[in-house]
Amino acid sequence: MSLDSFWQDFLDFAGLDKSTKYRNSYYFDSTEEGAKKLLDLVLSGKKKATAGALIAYNENIPQVEDDYTVITDWHGVPHCIIQTTGNGA
């Protein structure tokens, strides 16, 4: 499934306006194994917060509460959407 179709399905499910945009998409960690482990923790509900090195965000730092990010696996397949509730600043 493409990022755009995944996003549109989410907007329908959540009842959000079709003009709502997501900030970016990414996978967790810098290895395929780590990305899978962290994604599994998010999907199981055990991981509910994240942080990362500034350089890893490629200028797409979630800065505004309510920003959405599509989380993918290592291969770019979307699996879930997270919402920024604070930026730790």
PDB file of N, CA and C in Angstrom:
ATOM      1  N   MET A   1       0.845  -1.176   0.000  1.00  0.00           N
ATOM      2  CA  MET A   1       0.000   0.000   0.000  1.00  0.00           C
ATOM      3  C   MET A   1       0.891   1.240   0.000  1.00  0.00           C
ATOM      4  N   SER A   2       0.515   2.229  -0.792  1.00  0.00           N
ATOM      5  CA  SER A   2       1.306   3.460  -0.862  1.00  0.00           C
ATOM      6  C   SER A   2       1.070   4.327   0.368  1.00  0.00           C
ATOM      7  N   LEU A   3       2.026   5.225   0.635  1.00  0.00           N
ATOM      8  CA  LEU A   3       1.870   6.158   1.749  1.00  0.00           C
ATOM      9  C   LEU A   3       0.606   6.981   1.597  1.00  0.00           C
ATOM     10  N   ASP A   4       0.355   7.462   0.390  1.00  0.00           N
ATOM     11  CA  ASP A   4      -0.812   8.331   0.183  1.00  0.00           C
ATOM     12  C   ASP A   4      -2.125   7.591   0.410  1.00  0.00           C
ATOM     13  N   SER A   5      -2.231   6.363  -0.071  1.00  0.00           N
ATOM     14  CA  SER A   5      -3.480   5.626   0.152  1.00  0.00           C
ATOM     15  C   SER A   5      -3.623   5.239   1.622  1.00  0.00           C
ATOM     16  N   PHE A   6      -2.511   4.906   2.290  1.00  0.00           N
ATOM     17  CA  PHE A   6      -2.541   4.618   3.724  1.00  0.00           C
ATOM     18  C   PHE A   6      -3.032   5.851   4.484  1.00  0.00           C
ATOM     19  N   TRP A   7      -2.505   7.022   4.111  1.00  0.00           N
ATOM     20  CA  TRP A   7      -2.884   8.275   4.755  1.00  0.00           C
ATOM     21  C   TRP A   7      -4.373   8.570   4.528  1.00  0.00           C
ATOM     22  N   GLN A   8      -4.843   8.395   3.309  1.00  0.00           N
ATOM     23  CA  GLN A   8      -6.250   8.664   3.014  1.00  0.00           C
ATOM     24  C   GLN A   8      -7.161   7.719   3.797  1.00  0.00           C
ATOM     25  N   ASP A   9      -6.780   6.466   3.928  1.00  0.00           N
ATOM     26  CA  ASP A   9      -7.553   5.515   4.744  1.00  0.00           C
ATOM     27  C   ASP A   9      -7.591   5.974   6.194  1.00  0.00           C
ATOM     28  N   PHE A  10      -6.461   6.474   6.701  1.00  0.00           N
ATOM     29  CA  PHE A  10      -6.420   6.979   8.066  1.00  0.00           C
ATOM     30  C   PHE A  10      -7.358   8.175   8.234  1.00  0.00           C
ATOM     31  N   LEU A  11      -7.329   9.117   7.288  1.00  0.00           N
ATOM     32  CA  LEU A  11      -8.213  10.280   7.379  1.00  0.00           C
ATOM     33  C   LEU A  11      -9.664   9.855   7.419  1.00  0.00           C
ATOM     34  N   ASP A  12     -10.034   8.892   6.593  1.00  0.00           N
ATOM     35  CA  ASP A  12     -11.406   8.373   6.604  1.00  0.00           C
ATOM     36  C   ASP A  12     -11.740   7.751   7.950  1.00  0.00           C
ATOM     37  N   PHE A  13     -10.853   6.891   8.445  1.00  0.00           N
ATOM     38  CA  PHE A  13     -11.067   6.196   9.713  1.00  0.00           C
ATOM     39  C   PHE A  13     -11.193   7.179  10.876  1.00  0.00           C
ATOM     40  N   ALA A  14     -10.323   8.182  10.904  1.00  0.00           N
ATOM     41  CA  ALA A  14     -10.285   9.141  12.014  1.00  0.00           C
ATOM     42  C   ALA A  14     -11.310  10.266  11.864  1.00  0.00           C
ATOM     43  N   GLY A  15     -11.948  10.341  10.700  1.00  0.00           N
ATOM     44  CA  GLY A  15     -12.920  11.404  10.478  1.00  0.00           C
ATOM     45  C   GLY A  15     -12.283  12.780  10.355  1.00  0.00           C
ATOM     46  N   LEU A  16     -11.048  12.814   9.875  1.00  0.00           N
ATOM     47  CA  LEU A  16     -10.335  14.085   9.728  1.00  0.00           C
ATOM     48  C   LEU A  16     -10.572  14.671   8.340  1.00  0.00           C
ATOM     49  N   ASP A  17     -10.425  15.981   8.256  1.00  0.00           N
ATOM     50  CA  ASP A  17     -10.582  16.686   6.992  1.00  0.00           C
ATOM     51  C   ASP A  17      -9.566  16.176   5.973  1.00  0.00           C
ATOM     52  N   LYS A  18     -10.009  16.022   4.735  1.00  0.00           N
ATOM     53  CA  LYS A  18      -9.141  15.501   3.672  1.00  0.00           C
ATOM     54  C   LYS A  18      -7.942  16.401   3.391  1.00  0.00           C
ATOM     55  N   SER A  19      -7.978  17.651   3.837  1.00  0.00           N
ATOM     56  CA  SER A  19      -6.856  18.560   3.611  1.00  0.00           C
ATOM     57  C   SER A  19      -5.754  18.402   4.669  1.00  0.00           C
ATOM     58  N   THR A  20      -5.995  17.586   5.689  1.00  0.00           N
ATOM     59  CA  THR A  20      -4.999  17.344   6.731  1.00  0.00           C
ATOM     60  C   THR A  20      -3.791  16.649   6.119  1.00  0.00           C
ATOM     61  N   LYS A  21      -2.608  17.127   6.439  1.00  0.00           N
ATOM     62  CA  LYS A  21      -1.361  16.583   5.889  1.00  0.00           C
ATOM     63  C   LYS A  21      -0.540  15.917   6.986  1.00  0.00           C
ATOM     64  N   TYR A  22       0.299  14.987   6.590  1.00  0.00           N
ATOM     65  CA  TYR A  22       1.280  14.446   7.528  1.00  0.00           C
ATOM     66  C   TYR A  22       2.613  15.128   7.271  1.00  0.00           C
ATOM     67  N   ARG A  23       3.418  15.259   8.334  1.00  0.00           N
ATOM     68  CA  ARG A  23       4.685  15.988   8.220  1.00  0.00           C
ATOM     69  C   ARG A  23       5.704  15.194   7.421  1.00  0.00           C
ATOM     70  N   ASN A  24       5.849  13.913   7.731  1.00  0.00           N
ATOM     71  CA  ASN A  24       6.819  13.080   7.026  1.00  0.00           C
ATOM     72  C   ASN A  24       6.542  11.614   7.300  1.00  0.00           C
ATOM     73  N   SER A  25       7.399  10.768   6.799  1.00  0.00           N
ATOM     74  CA  SER A  25       7.321   9.337   7.091  1.00  0.00           C
ATOM     75  C   SER A  25       8.742   8.849   7.339  1.00  0.00           C
ATOM     76  N   TYR A  26       8.855   7.858   8.186  1.00  0.00           N
ATOM     77  CA  TYR A  26      10.169   7.285   8.463  1.00  0.00           C
ATOM     78  C   TYR A  26      10.020   5.957   9.190  1.00  0.00           C
ATOM     79  N   TYR A  27      11.123   5.248   9.307  1.00  0.00           N
ATOM     80  CA  TYR A  27      11.199   4.040  10.122  1.00  0.00           C
ATOM     81  C   TYR A  27      12.097   4.366  11.297  1.00  0.00           C
ATOM     82  N   PHE A  28      11.945   3.596  12.363  1.00  0.00           N
ATOM     83  CA  PHE A  28      12.774   3.771  13.543  1.00  0.00           C
ATOM     84  C   PHE A  28      14.126   3.100  13.352  1.00  0.00           C
ATOM     85  N   ASP A  29      15.139   3.621  14.001  1.00  0.00           N
ATOM     86  CA  ASP A  29      16.471   3.030  14.109  1.00  0.00           C
ATOM     87  C   ASP A  29      17.260   3.126  12.804  1.00  0.00           C
ATOM     88  N   SER A  30      18.484   2.657  12.856  1.00  0.00           N
ATOM     89  CA  SER A  30      19.366   2.730  11.690  1.00  0.00           C
ATOM     90  C   SER A  30      19.722   1.348  11.144  1.00  0.00           C
ATOM     91  N   THR A  31      19.030   0.321  11.645  1.00  0.00           N
ATOM     92  CA  THR A  31      19.211  -1.031  11.130  1.00  0.00           C
ATOM     93  C   THR A  31      17.844  -1.648  10.896  1.00  0.00           C
ATOM     94  N   GLU A  32      17.776  -2.604   9.979  1.00  0.00           N
ATOM     95  CA  GLU A  32      16.499  -3.265   9.695  1.00  0.00           C
ATOM     96  C   GLU A  32      15.973  -4.000  10.929  1.00  0.00           C
ATOM     97  N   GLU A  33      16.863  -4.677  11.638  1.00  0.00           N
ATOM     98  CA  GLU A  33      16.454  -5.416  12.836  1.00  0.00           C
ATOM     99  C   GLU A  33      15.899  -4.462  13.904  1.00  0.00           C
ATOM    100  N   GLY A  34      16.593  -3.355  14.134  1.00  0.00           N
ATOM    101  CA  GLY A  34      16.132  -2.379  15.118  1.00  0.00           C
ATOM    102  C   GLY A  34      14.818  -1.742  14.703  1.00  0.00           C
ATOM    103  N   ALA A  35      14.680  -1.446  13.420  1.00  0.00           N
ATOM    104  CA  ALA A  35      13.439  -0.849  12.920  1.00  0.00           C
ATOM    105  C   ALA A  35      12.266  -1.781  13.161  1.00  0.00           C
ATOM    106  N   LYS A  36      12.465  -3.082  12.918  1.00  0.00           N
ATOM    107  CA  LYS A  36      11.386  -4.058  13.133  1.00  0.00           C
ATOM    108  C   LYS A  36      11.026  -4.160  14.608  1.00  0.00           C
ATOM    109  N   LYS A  37      12.032  -4.236  15.471  1.00  0.00           N
ATOM    110  CA  LYS A  37      11.769  -4.355  16.908  1.00  0.00           C
ATOM    111  C   LYS A  37      10.991  -3.148  17.430  1.00  0.00           C
ATOM    112  N   LEU A  38      11.424  -1.955  17.036  1.00  0.00           N
ATOM    113  CA  LEU A  38      10.754  -0.753  17.532  1.00  0.00           C
ATOM    114  C   LEU A  38       9.351  -0.610  16.955  1.00  0.00           C
ATOM    115  N   LEU A  39       9.172  -0.932  15.684  1.00  0.00           N
ATOM    116  CA  LEU A  39       7.837  -0.899  15.091  1.00  0.00           C
ATOM    117  C   LEU A  39       6.920  -1.883  15.807  1.00  0.00           C
ATOM    118  N   ASP A  40       7.402  -3.089  16.085  1.00  0.00           N
ATOM    119  CA  ASP A  40       6.595  -4.081  16.804  1.00  0.00           C
ATOM    120  C   ASP A  40       6.178  -3.570  18.182  1.00  0.00           C
ATOM    121  N   LEU A  41       7.086  -2.862  18.858  1.00  0.00           N
ATOM    122  CA  LEU A  41       6.743  -2.304  20.172  1.00  0.00           C
ATOM    123  C   LEU A  41       5.658  -1.231  20.056  1.00  0.00           C
ATOM    124  N   VAL A  42       5.733  -0.409  19.019  1.00  0.00           N
ATOM    125  CA  VAL A  42       4.695   0.605  18.811  1.00  0.00           C
ATOM    126  C   VAL A  42       3.357  -0.071  18.521  1.00  0.00           C
ATOM    127  N   LEU A  43       3.365  -1.031  17.614  1.00  0.00           N
ATOM    128  CA  LEU A  43       2.125  -1.696  17.218  1.00  0.00           C
ATOM    129  C   LEU A  43       1.491  -2.474  18.364  1.00  0.00           C
ATOM    130  N   SER A  44       2.309  -2.968  19.291  1.00  0.00           N
ATOM    131  CA  SER A  44       1.773  -3.704  20.439  1.00  0.00           C
ATOM    132  C   SER A  44       1.317  -2.772  21.562  1.00  0.00           C
ATOM    133  N   GLY A  45       1.609  -1.478  21.439  1.00  0.00           N
ATOM    134  CA  GLY A  45       1.213  -0.520  22.470  1.00  0.00           C
ATOM    135  C   GLY A  45       2.221  -0.365  23.580  1.00  0.00           C
ATOM    136  N   LYS A  46       3.347  -1.063  23.505  1.00  0.00           N
ATOM    137  CA  LYS A  46       4.367  -0.968  24.551  1.00  0.00           C
ATOM    138  C   LYS A  46       5.242   0.264  24.404  1.00  0.00           C
ATOM    139  N   LYS A  47       5.441   0.734  23.182  1.00  0.00           N
ATOM    140  CA  LYS A  47       6.246   1.936  22.936  1.00  0.00           C
ATOM    141  C   LYS A  47       5.292   3.073  22.627  1.00  0.00           C
ATOM    142  N   LYS A  48       5.323   4.108  23.456  1.00  0.00           N
ATOM    143  CA  LYS A  48       4.388   5.223  23.293  1.00  0.00           C
ATOM    144  C   LYS A  48       5.080   6.572  23.196  1.00  0.00           C
ATOM    145  N   ALA A  49       6.393   6.563  23.153  1.00  0.00           N
ATOM    146  CA  ALA A  49       7.153   7.807  23.042  1.00  0.00           C
ATOM    147  C   ALA A  49       8.407   7.524  22.224  1.00  0.00           C
ATOM    148  N   THR A  50       8.952   8.568  21.660  1.00  0.00           N
ATOM    149  CA  THR A  50      10.168   8.388  20.878  1.00  0.00           C
ATOM    150  C   THR A  50      11.029   9.636  20.949  1.00  0.00           C
ATOM    151  N   ALA A  51      12.259   9.451  20.646  1.00  0.00           N
ATOM    152  CA  ALA A  51      13.216  10.547  20.549  1.00  0.00           C
ATOM    153  C   ALA A  51      14.249  10.124  19.528  1.00  0.00           C
ATOM    154  N   GLY A  52      14.948  11.068  18.977  1.00  0.00           N
ATOM    155  CA  GLY A  52      15.953  10.707  17.992  1.00  0.00           C
ATOM    156  C   GLY A  52      16.992  11.785  17.859  1.00  0.00           C
ATOM    157  N   ALA A  53      18.061  11.431  17.198  1.00  0.00           N
ATOM    158  CA  ALA A  53      19.121  12.391  16.929  1.00  0.00           C
ATOM    159  C   ALA A  53      18.601  13.443  15.966  1.00  0.00           C
ATOM    160  N   LEU A  54      18.920  14.684  16.214  1.00  0.00           N
ATOM    161  CA  LEU A  54      18.460  15.793  15.392  1.00  0.00           C
ATOM    162  C   LEU A  54      18.757  15.560  13.912  1.00  0.00           C
ATOM    163  N   ILE A  55      19.926  15.062  13.606  1.00  0.00           N
ATOM    164  CA  ILE A  55      20.317  14.852  12.208  1.00  0.00           C
ATOM    165  C   ILE A  55      19.423  13.816  11.508  1.00  0.00           C
ATOM    166  N   ALA A  56      18.832  12.912  12.276  1.00  0.00           N
ATOM    167  CA  ALA A  56      18.014  11.850  11.691  1.00  0.00           C
ATOM    168  C   ALA A  56      16.694  12.361  11.111  1.00  0.00           C
ATOM    169  N   TYR A  57      16.278  13.543  11.493  1.00  0.00           N
ATOM    170  CA  TYR A  57      14.986  14.047  11.047  1.00  0.00           C
ATOM    171  C   TYR A  57      15.029  14.773   9.706  1.00  0.00           C
ATOM    172  N   ASN A  58      16.206  14.985   9.148  1.00  0.00           N
ATOM    173  CA  ASN A  58      16.325  15.612   7.824  1.00  0.00           C
ATOM    174  C   ASN A  58      15.472  16.870   7.690  1.00  0.00           C
ATOM    175  N   GLU A  59      15.558  17.723   8.667  1.00  0.00           N
ATOM    176  CA  GLU A  59      14.839  19.001   8.674  1.00  0.00           C
ATOM    177  C   GLU A  59      13.325  18.855   8.775  1.00  0.00           C
ATOM    178  N   ASN A  60      12.812  17.672   9.094  1.00  0.00           N
ATOM    179  CA  ASN A  60      11.380  17.452   9.264  1.00  0.00           C
ATOM    180  C   ASN A  60      11.049  17.184  10.725  1.00  0.00           C
ATOM    181  N   ILE A  61      11.631  17.964  11.604  1.00  0.00           N
ATOM    182  CA  ILE A  61      11.450  17.771  13.036  1.00  0.00           C
ATOM    183  C   ILE A  61       9.998  18.072  13.410  1.00  0.00           C
ATOM    184  N   PRO A  62       9.315  17.118  14.054  1.00  0.00           N
ATOM    185  CA  PRO A  62       7.970  17.423  14.538  1.00  0.00           C
ATOM    186  C   PRO A  62       8.064  18.531  15.583  1.00  0.00           C
ATOM    187  N   GLN A  63       7.488  19.684  15.300  1.00  0.00           N
ATOM    188  CA  GLN A  63       7.598  20.815  16.200  1.00  0.00           C
ATOM    189  C   GLN A  63       6.261  21.276  16.731  1.00  0.00           C
ATOM    190  N   VAL A  64       5.226  20.897  16.087  1.00  0.00           N
ATOM    191  CA  VAL A  64       3.905  21.382  16.450  1.00  0.00           C
ATOM    192  C   VAL A  64       3.094  20.229  16.999  1.00  0.00           C
ATOM    193  N   GLU A  65       2.470  20.466  18.140  1.00  0.00           N
ATOM    194  CA  GLU A  65       1.582  19.435  18.644  1.00  0.00           C
ATOM    195  C   GLU A  65       0.537  19.145  17.588  1.00  0.00           C
ATOM    196  N   ASP A  66       0.169  17.906  17.508  1.00  0.00           N
ATOM    197  CA  ASP A  66      -0.809  17.386  16.553  1.00  0.00           C
ATOM    198  C   ASP A  66      -0.221  17.097  15.184  1.00  0.00           C
ATOM    199  N   ASP A  67       1.093  17.284  14.971  1.00  0.00           N
ATOM    200  CA  ASP A  67       1.716  16.841  13.727  1.00  0.00           C
ATOM    201  C   ASP A  67       1.568  15.323  13.627  1.00  0.00           C
ATOM    202  N   TYR A  68       1.329  14.839  12.431  1.00  0.00           N
ATOM    203  CA  TYR A  68       1.237  13.404  12.183  1.00  0.00           C
ATOM    204  C   TYR A  68       2.461  12.929  11.406  1.00  0.00           C
ATOM    205  N   THR A  69       2.895  11.704  11.695  1.00  0.00           N
ATOM    206  CA  THR A  69       3.994  11.070  10.993  1.00  0.00           C
ATOM    207  C   THR A  69       3.580   9.646  10.655  1.00  0.00           C
ATOM    208  N   VAL A  70       3.826   9.227   9.428  1.00  0.00           N
ATOM    209  CA  VAL A  70       3.557   7.848   9.028  1.00  0.00           C
ATOM    210  C   VAL A  70       4.807   7.025   9.332  1.00  0.00           C
ATOM    211  N   ILE A  71       4.623   5.959  10.092  1.00  0.00           N
ATOM    212  CA  ILE A  71       5.739   5.086  10.442  1.00  0.00           C
ATOM    213  C   ILE A  71       5.723   3.886   9.495  1.00  0.00           C
ATOM    214  N   THR A  72       6.886   3.651   8.891  1.00  0.00           N
ATOM    215  CA  THR A  72       7.012   2.555   7.931  1.00  0.00           C
ATOM    216  C   THR A  72       7.942   1.484   8.474  1.00  0.00           C
ATOM    217  N   ASP A  73       7.969   0.364   7.778  1.00  0.00           N
ATOM    218  CA  ASP A  73       9.002  -0.618   8.072  1.00  0.00           C
ATOM    219  C   ASP A  73      10.257  -0.223   7.298  1.00  0.00           C
ATOM    220  N   TRP A  74      11.284  -1.016   7.396  1.00  0.00           N
ATOM    221  CA  TRP A  74      12.576  -0.730   6.761  1.00  0.00           C
ATOM    222  C   TRP A  74      12.444  -0.538   5.254  1.00  0.00           C
ATOM    223  N   HIS A  75      11.435  -1.186   4.668  1.00  0.00           N
ATOM    224  CA  HIS A  75      11.264  -1.171   3.220  1.00  0.00           C
ATOM    225  C   HIS A  75      10.302  -0.085   2.738  1.00  0.00           C
ATOM    226  N   GLY A  76       9.859   0.774   3.660  1.00  0.00           N
ATOM    227  CA  GLY A  76       8.997   1.880   3.275  1.00  0.00           C
ATOM    228  C   GLY A  76       7.518   1.565   3.255  1.00  0.00           C
ATOM    229  N   VAL A  77       7.126   0.389   3.732  1.00  0.00           N
ATOM    230  CA  VAL A  77       5.709   0.021   3.786  1.00  0.00           C
ATOM    231  C   VAL A  77       5.097   0.655   5.041  1.00  0.00           C
ATOM    232  N   PRO A  78       4.030   1.451   4.892  1.00  0.00           N
ATOM    233  CA  PRO A  78       3.429   2.107   6.055  1.00  0.00           C
ATOM    234  C   PRO A  78       2.708   1.113   6.959  1.00  0.00           C
ATOM    235  N   HIS A  79       2.848   1.325   8.289  1.00  0.00           N
ATOM    236  CA  HIS A  79       2.221   0.436   9.261  1.00  0.00           C
ATOM    237  C   HIS A  79       1.356   1.173  10.272  1.00  0.00           C
ATOM    238  N   CYS A  80       1.701   2.403  10.589  1.00  0.00           N
ATOM    239  CA  CYS A  80       0.909   3.141  11.563  1.00  0.00           C
ATOM    240  C   CYS A  80       1.196   4.629  11.438  1.00  0.00           C
ATOM    241  N   ILE A  81       0.419   5.396  12.163  1.00  0.00           N
ATOM    242  CA  ILE A  81       0.577   6.846  12.182  1.00  0.00           C
ATOM    243  C   ILE A  81       0.700   7.260  13.636  1.00  0.00           C
ATOM    244  N   ILE A  82       1.706   8.098  13.898  1.00  0.00           N
ATOM    245  CA  ILE A  82       1.861   8.640  15.245  1.00  0.00           C
ATOM    246  C   ILE A  82       1.576  10.127  15.206  1.00  0.00           C
ATOM    247  N   GLN A  83       1.187  10.652  16.356  1.00  0.00           N
ATOM    248  CA  GLN A  83       0.854  12.069  16.467  1.00  0.00           C
ATOM    249  C   GLN A  83       1.724  12.692  17.536  1.00  0.00           C
ATOM    250  N   THR A  84       2.344  13.821  17.214  1.00  0.00           N
ATOM    251  CA  THR A  84       3.177  14.536  18.172  1.00  0.00           C
ATOM    252  C   THR A  84       2.281  15.205  19.198  1.00  0.00           C
ATOM    253  N   THR A  85       2.561  14.936  20.477  1.00  0.00           N
ATOM    254  CA  THR A  85       1.800  15.568  21.548  1.00  0.00           C
ATOM    255  C   THR A  85       2.666  16.536  22.331  1.00  0.00           C
ATOM    256  N   GLY A  86       3.946  16.606  22.025  1.00  0.00           N
ATOM    257  CA  GLY A  86       4.873  17.530  22.651  1.00  0.00           C
ATOM    258  C   GLY A  86       6.232  17.342  22.013  1.00  0.00           C
ATOM    259  N   ASN A  87       7.076  18.374  22.083  1.00  0.00           N
ATOM    260  CA  ASN A  87       8.387  18.226  21.451  1.00  0.00           C
ATOM    261  C   ASN A  87       9.527  18.206  22.462  1.00  0.00           C
ATOM    262  N   GLY A  88       9.200  18.134  23.715  1.00  0.00           N
ATOM    263  CA  GLY A  88      10.225  18.005  24.733  1.00  0.00           C
ATOM    264  C   GLY A  88      11.002  19.284  25.017  1.00  0.00           C
ATOM    265  N   ALA A  89      10.665  20.348  24.325  1.00  0.00           N
ATOM    266  CA  ALA A  89      11.382  21.610  24.511  1.00  0.00           C
ATOM    267  C   ALA A  89      10.905  22.352  25.746  1.00  0.00           C
TER     268      ALA A  89
END
